[in-house]
């Protein structure tokens, strides 16, 4: 009986760069509760490294993307606060480039087949304010 053994793995990297617009507004009279928001439009890059039964495939792509966040911070000290943020990232890759090391192919994907890396996230953390 003949059989083949191999590894199956995938590593996906998404990088994003773009200018961000940030704003904050004090809520209440004692100025220890802040509503914060940021919005950014930039460019995202995709790098997907796939290995399947001793065959490697590299997929790359790039497209415009958007990142946004809204949150609430409570300052319990003049420079230290705790906060919660709700954010999202929006990006679809519709044109991809795939290579196996010897052949390269560029493919334009249909709207329903595009690679969607959009997400919604919720974060809680401690924030240190440098300029307060």
Foldseek 3Di string as FASTA:
>chain_A
DDDADDDWDKDKDKDWDWDKDKDKDADDDVRQKIKIKMKTKTKMKMWMWIDDRNFIKIKIFMDIKMKMKIKMWGHPDPFKIKMKMKMKIWDWTQWMWMDRPPDIDIDGHDPVPIDTPIDIDMDIDMGTHDPD
